[in-house]
């Protein structure tokens, strides 16, 4: 099995990653929204459509 981040050999201590660094990179991707689970909720779809129609609105930081 290889690390999903760098394709290096995995380490049992950090499985399925090869190191703490790659595990932290993966966690950061989740926190930043790079990974996402798609929603089938119609309310969520409507919010996205509204956001696309009103691009002047800014996201809160």
PDB file of N, CA and C in Angstrom:
ATOM      1  N   UNK A   1       0.852  -1.178   0.000  1.00  0.00           N
ATOM      2  CA  UNK A   1       0.000   0.000   0.000  1.00  0.00           C
ATOM      3  C   UNK A   1       0.899   1.243   0.000  1.00  0.00           C
ATOM      4  N   UNK A   2       0.480   2.246  -0.739  1.00  0.00           N
ATOM      5  CA  UNK A   2       1.252   3.483  -0.810  1.00  0.00           C
ATOM      6  C   UNK A   2       0.484   4.637  -0.193  1.00  0.00           C
ATOM      7  N   UNK A   3       1.210   5.635   0.221  1.00  0.00           N
ATOM      8  CA  UNK A   3       0.643   6.843   0.821  1.00  0.00           C
ATOM      9  C   UNK A   3      -0.187   7.587  -0.231  1.00  0.00           C
ATOM     10  N   UNK A   4      -1.419   7.979   0.107  1.00  0.00           N
ATOM     11  CA  UNK A   4      -2.245   8.690  -0.867  1.00  0.00           C
ATOM     12  C   UNK A   4      -1.765  10.105  -1.180  1.00  0.00           C
ATOM     13  N   UNK A   5      -0.869  10.643  -0.380  1.00  0.00           N
ATOM     14  CA  UNK A   5      -0.370  11.997  -0.605  1.00  0.00           C
ATOM     15  C   UNK A   5       0.886  11.995  -1.472  1.00  0.00           C
ATOM     16  N   UNK A   6       1.887  11.179  -1.103  1.00  0.00           N
ATOM     17  CA  UNK A   6       3.168  11.231  -1.814  1.00  0.00           C
ATOM     18  C   UNK A   6       3.539   9.931  -2.529  1.00  0.00           C
ATOM     19  N   UNK A   7       2.718   8.922  -2.397  1.00  0.00           N
ATOM     20  CA  UNK A   7       2.944   7.597  -3.002  1.00  0.00           C
ATOM     21  C   UNK A   7       4.122   6.841  -2.395  1.00  0.00           C
ATOM     22  N   UNK A   8       4.606   7.293  -1.246  1.00  0.00           N
ATOM     23  CA  UNK A   8       5.668   6.578  -0.542  1.00  0.00           C
ATOM     24  C   UNK A   8       5.111   5.359   0.178  1.00  0.00           C
ATOM     25  N   UNK A   9       5.989   4.534   0.712  1.00  0.00           N
ATOM     26  CA  UNK A   9       5.571   3.340   1.443  1.00  0.00           C
ATOM     27  C   UNK A   9       4.937   3.755   2.770  1.00  0.00           C
ATOM     28  N   UNK A  10       3.822   3.142   3.127  1.00  0.00           N
ATOM     29  CA  UNK A  10       3.112   3.527   4.353  1.00  0.00           C
ATOM     30  C   UNK A  10       3.835   3.027   5.590  1.00  0.00           C
ATOM     31  N   UNK A  11       3.575   3.715   6.691  1.00  0.00           N
ATOM     32  CA  UNK A  11       4.117   3.364   7.996  1.00  0.00           C
ATOM     33  C   UNK A  11       2.918   3.000   8.872  1.00  0.00           C
ATOM     34  N   UNK A  12       2.997   1.870   9.581  1.00  0.00           N
ATOM     35  CA  UNK A  12       1.880   1.429  10.424  1.00  0.00           C
ATOM     36  C   UNK A  12       1.461   2.507  11.419  1.00  0.00           C
ATOM     37  N   UNK A  13       2.424   3.252  11.913  1.00  0.00           N
ATOM     38  CA  UNK A  13       2.137   4.296  12.910  1.00  0.00           C
ATOM     39  C   UNK A  13       1.227   5.389  12.335  1.00  0.00           C
ATOM     40  N   UNK A  14       1.354   5.674  11.031  1.00  0.00           N
ATOM     41  CA  UNK A  14       0.597   6.763  10.405  1.00  0.00           C
ATOM     42  C   UNK A  14      -0.377   6.261   9.341  1.00  0.00           C
ATOM     43  N   UNK A  15      -0.641   4.975   9.318  1.00  0.00           N
ATOM     44  CA  UNK A  15      -1.473   4.359   8.281  1.00  0.00           C
ATOM     45  C   UNK A  15      -2.751   5.153   8.048  1.00  0.00           C
ATOM     46  N   UNK A  16      -3.115   5.406   6.839  1.00  0.00           N
ATOM     47  CA  UNK A  16      -2.606   4.924   5.561  1.00  0.00           C
ATOM     48  C   UNK A  16      -1.514   5.815   4.969  1.00  0.00           C
ATOM     49  N   UNK A  17      -0.928   6.696   5.778  1.00  0.00           N
ATOM     50  CA  UNK A  17       0.094   7.622   5.300  1.00  0.00           C
ATOM     51  C   UNK A  17       1.485   7.104   5.620  1.00  0.00           C
ATOM     52  N   UNK A  18       2.501   7.759   5.075  1.00  0.00           N
ATOM     53  CA  UNK A  18       3.883   7.355   5.312  1.00  0.00           C
ATOM     54  C   UNK A  18       4.501   8.110   6.477  1.00  0.00           C
ATOM     55  N   UNK A  19       3.921   9.259   6.827  1.00  0.00           N
ATOM     56  CA  UNK A  19       4.512  10.094   7.869  1.00  0.00           C
ATOM     57  C   UNK A  19       3.462  11.027   8.468  1.00  0.00           C
ATOM     58  N   UNK A  20       3.846  11.657   9.536  1.00  0.00           N
ATOM     59  CA  UNK A  20       2.946  12.649  10.155  1.00  0.00           C
ATOM     60  C   UNK A  20       2.725  13.819   9.196  1.00  0.00           C
ATOM     61  N   UNK A  21       3.764  14.167   8.456  1.00  0.00           N
ATOM     62  CA  UNK A  21       3.672  15.279   7.500  1.00  0.00           C
ATOM     63  C   UNK A  21       2.552  15.021   6.492  1.00  0.00           C
ATOM     64  N   UNK A  22       2.525  13.834   5.896  1.00  0.00           N
ATOM     65  CA  UNK A  22       1.487  13.536   4.902  1.00  0.00           C
ATOM     66  C   UNK A  22       0.105  13.456   5.554  1.00  0.00           C
ATOM     67  N   UNK A  23       0.037  12.946   6.780  1.00  0.00           N
ATOM     68  CA  UNK A  23      -1.241  12.918   7.500  1.00  0.00           C
ATOM     69  C   UNK A  23      -1.736  14.344   7.747  1.00  0.00           C
ATOM     70  N   UNK A  24      -0.812  15.247   8.114  1.00  0.00           N
ATOM     71  CA  UNK A  24      -1.184  16.648   8.347  1.00  0.00           C
ATOM     72  C   UNK A  24      -1.600  17.347   7.054  1.00  0.00           C
ATOM     73  N   UNK A  25      -0.950  17.026   5.957  1.00  0.00           N
ATOM     74  CA  UNK A  25      -1.347  17.595   4.656  1.00  0.00           C
ATOM     75  C   UNK A  25      -2.766  17.178   4.320  1.00  0.00           C
ATOM     76  N   UNK A  26      -3.080  15.907   4.546  1.00  0.00           N
ATOM     77  CA  UNK A  26      -4.426  15.410   4.278  1.00  0.00           C
ATOM     78  C   UNK A  26      -5.453  16.113   5.172  1.00  0.00           C
ATOM     79  N   UNK A  27      -5.139  16.263   6.445  1.00  0.00           N
ATOM     80  CA  UNK A  27      -6.041  16.949   7.372  1.00  0.00           C
ATOM     81  C   UNK A  27      -6.271  18.396   6.940  1.00  0.00           C
ATOM     82  N   UNK A  28      -5.215  19.067   6.503  1.00  0.00           N
ATOM     83  CA  UNK A  28      -5.341  20.451   6.037  1.00  0.00           C
ATOM     84  C   UNK A  28      -6.251  20.547   4.818  1.00  0.00           C
ATOM     85  N   UNK A  29      -6.210  19.541   3.959  1.00  0.00           N
ATOM     86  CA  UNK A  29      -7.103  19.539   2.794  1.00  0.00           C
ATOM     87  C   UNK A  29      -8.561  19.446   3.226  1.00  0.00           C
ATOM     88  N   UNK A  30      -8.831  18.662   4.267  1.00  0.00           N
ATOM     89  CA  UNK A  30     -10.204  18.595   4.771  1.00  0.00           C
ATOM     90  C   UNK A  30     -10.624  19.940   5.361  1.00  0.00           C
ATOM     91  N   UNK A  31      -9.742  20.546   6.164  1.00  0.00           N
ATOM     92  CA  UNK A  31     -10.073  21.827   6.794  1.00  0.00           C
ATOM     93  C   UNK A  31     -10.272  22.941   5.779  1.00  0.00           C
ATOM     94  N   UNK A  32      -9.514  22.917   4.691  1.00  0.00           N
ATOM     95  CA  UNK A  32      -9.602  23.989   3.700  1.00  0.00           C
ATOM     96  C   UNK A  32     -10.781  23.811   2.747  1.00  0.00           C
ATOM     97  N   UNK A  33     -11.391  22.636   2.778  1.00  0.00           N
ATOM     98  CA  UNK A  33     -12.508  22.387   1.873  1.00  0.00           C
ATOM     99  C   UNK A  33     -12.090  21.770   0.551  1.00  0.00           C
ATOM    100  N   UNK A  34     -10.832  21.408   0.431  1.00  0.00           N
ATOM    101  CA  UNK A  34     -10.366  20.766  -0.807  1.00  0.00           C
ATOM    102  C   UNK A  34     -11.056  19.423  -1.007  1.00  0.00           C
ATOM    103  N   UNK A  35     -11.366  18.753   0.110  1.00  0.00           N
ATOM    104  CA  UNK A  35     -12.157  17.519   0.056  1.00  0.00           C
ATOM    105  C   UNK A  35     -13.566  17.890   0.502  1.00  0.00           C
ATOM    106  N   UNK A  36     -14.542  17.346  -0.140  1.00  0.00           N
ATOM    107  CA  UNK A  36     -15.914  17.619   0.265  1.00  0.00           C
ATOM    108  C   UNK A  36     -16.814  16.455  -0.130  1.00  0.00           C
ATOM    109  N   UNK A  37     -17.837  16.249   0.649  1.00  0.00           N
ATOM    110  CA  UNK A  37     -18.833  15.238   0.340  1.00  0.00           C
ATOM    111  C   UNK A  37     -20.006  15.970  -0.297  1.00  0.00           C
ATOM    112  N   UNK A  38     -20.418  15.585  -1.496  1.00  0.00           N
ATOM    113  CA  UNK A  38     -21.514  16.284  -2.152  1.00  0.00           C
ATOM    114  C   UNK A  38     -22.837  16.118  -1.396  1.00  0.00           C
ATOM    115  N   UNK A  39     -23.609  17.165  -1.386  1.00  0.00           N
ATOM    116  CA  UNK A  39     -24.905  17.156  -0.718  1.00  0.00           C
ATOM    117  C   UNK A  39     -26.013  16.951  -1.744  1.00  0.00           C
ATOM    118  N   UNK A  40     -27.019  16.214  -1.339  1.00  0.00           N
ATOM    119  CA  UNK A  40     -28.197  16.022  -2.172  1.00  0.00           C
ATOM    120  C   UNK A  40     -29.392  16.820  -1.615  1.00  0.00           C
ATOM    121  N   UNK A  41     -29.143  17.623  -0.604  1.00  0.00           N
ATOM    122  CA  UNK A  41     -30.198  18.424   0.026  1.00  0.00           C
ATOM    123  C   UNK A  41     -30.596  19.567  -0.905  1.00  0.00           C
ATOM    124  N   UNK A  42     -31.872  19.656  -1.273  1.00  0.00           N
ATOM    125  CA  UNK A  42     -32.322  20.723  -2.181  1.00  0.00           C
ATOM    126  C   UNK A  42     -32.036  22.133  -1.656  1.00  0.00           C
ATOM    127  N   UNK A  43     -32.072  22.322  -0.331  1.00  0.00           N
ATOM    128  CA  UNK A  43     -31.771  23.644   0.238  1.00  0.00           C
ATOM    129  C   UNK A  43     -30.327  24.041  -0.051  1.00  0.00           C
ATOM    130  N   UNK A  44     -29.405  23.076   0.027  1.00  0.00           N
ATOM    131  CA  UNK A  44     -28.007  23.364  -0.267  1.00  0.00           C
ATOM    132  C   UNK A  44     -27.825  23.753  -1.730  1.00  0.00           C
ATOM    133  N   UNK A  45     -28.525  23.070  -2.602  1.00  0.00           N
ATOM    134  CA  UNK A  45     -28.445  23.368  -4.032  1.00  0.00           C
ATOM    135  C   UNK A  45     -28.940  24.778  -4.307  1.00  0.00           C
ATOM    136  N   UNK A  46     -30.017  25.171  -3.668  1.00  0.00           N
ATOM    137  CA  UNK A  46     -30.562  26.527  -3.836  1.00  0.00           C
ATOM    138  C   UNK A  46     -29.563  27.578  -3.344  1.00  0.00           C
ATOM    139  N   UNK A  47     -28.888  27.308  -2.227  1.00  0.00           N
ATOM    140  CA  UNK A  47     -27.899  28.258  -1.707  1.00  0.00           C
ATOM    141  C   UNK A  47     -26.744  28.444  -2.684  1.00  0.00           C
ATOM    142  N   UNK A  48     -26.331  27.364  -3.305  1.00  0.00           N
ATOM    143  CA  UNK A  48     -25.242  27.454  -4.277  1.00  0.00           C
ATOM    144  C   UNK A  48     -25.683  28.262  -5.487  1.00  0.00           C
ATOM    145  N   UNK A  49     -26.886  28.017  -5.962  1.00  0.00           N
ATOM    146  CA  UNK A  49     -27.402  28.758  -7.119  1.00  0.00           C
ATOM    147  C   UNK A  49     -27.477  30.245  -6.789  1.00  0.00           C
ATOM    148  N   UNK A  50     -27.970  30.590  -5.610  1.00  0.00           N
ATOM    149  CA  UNK A  50     -28.048  31.992  -5.200  1.00  0.00           C
ATOM    150  C   UNK A  50     -26.650  32.618  -5.117  1.00  0.00           C
ATOM    151  N   UNK A  51     -25.685  31.872  -4.576  1.00  0.00           N
ATOM    152  CA  UNK A  51     -24.323  32.394  -4.458  1.00  0.00           C
ATOM    153  C   UNK A  51     -23.710  32.636  -5.834  1.00  0.00           C
ATOM    154  N   UNK A  52     -24.003  31.770  -6.776  1.00  0.00           N
ATOM    155  CA  UNK A  52     -23.474  31.946  -8.128  1.00  0.00           C
ATOM    156  C   UNK A  52     -24.140  33.113  -8.852  1.00  0.00           C
ATOM    157  N   UNK A  53     -25.397  33.371  -8.544  1.00  0.00           N
ATOM    158  CA  UNK A  53     -26.120  34.476  -9.176  1.00  0.00           C
ATOM    159  C   UNK A  53     -25.736  35.826  -8.571  1.00  0.00           C
ATOM    160  N   UNK A  54     -25.205  35.823  -7.346  1.00  0.00           N
ATOM    161  CA  UNK A  54     -24.819  37.055  -6.650  1.00  0.00           C
ATOM    162  C   UNK A  54     -23.334  37.005  -6.300  1.00  0.00           C
ATOM    163  N   UNK A  55     -22.459  37.133  -7.282  1.00  0.00           N
ATOM    164  CA  UNK A  55     -21.027  36.981  -7.013  1.00  0.00           C
ATOM    165  C   UNK A  55     -20.407  38.121  -6.203  1.00  0.00           C
ATOM    166  N   UNK A  56     -21.141  39.206  -5.971  1.00  0.00           N
ATOM    167  CA  UNK A  56     -20.569  40.313  -5.200  1.00  0.00           C
ATOM    168  C   UNK A  56     -20.543  40.023  -3.714  1.00  0.00           C
ATOM    169  N   UNK A  57     -21.327  39.051  -3.275  1.00  0.00           N
ATOM    170  CA  UNK A  57     -21.314  38.692  -1.851  1.00  0.00           C
ATOM    171  C   UNK A  57     -19.991  38.026  -1.537  1.00  0.00           C
ATOM    172  N   UNK A  58     -19.405  38.398  -0.396  1.00  0.00           N
ATOM    173  CA  UNK A  58     -18.118  37.829  -0.008  1.00  0.00           C
ATOM    174  C   UNK A  58     -18.315  36.760   1.036  1.00  0.00           C
ATOM    175  N   UNK A  59     -17.440  35.767   1.017  1.00  0.00           N
ATOM    176  CA  UNK A  59     -17.463  34.726   2.022  1.00  0.00           C
ATOM    177  C   UNK A  59     -16.896  35.288   3.315  1.00  0.00           C
ATOM    178  N   UNK A  60     -17.444  34.880   4.459  1.00  0.00           N
ATOM    179  CA  UNK A  60     -16.839  35.295   5.743  1.00  0.00           C
ATOM    180  C   UNK A  60     -15.511  34.564   5.931  1.00  0.00           C
ATOM    181  N   UNK A  61     -14.541  35.260   6.507  1.00  0.00           N
ATOM    182  CA  UNK A  61     -13.222  34.630   6.736  1.00  0.00           C
ATOM    183  C   UNK A  61     -12.998  34.441   8.187  1.00  0.00           C
TER     184      UNK A  61
END
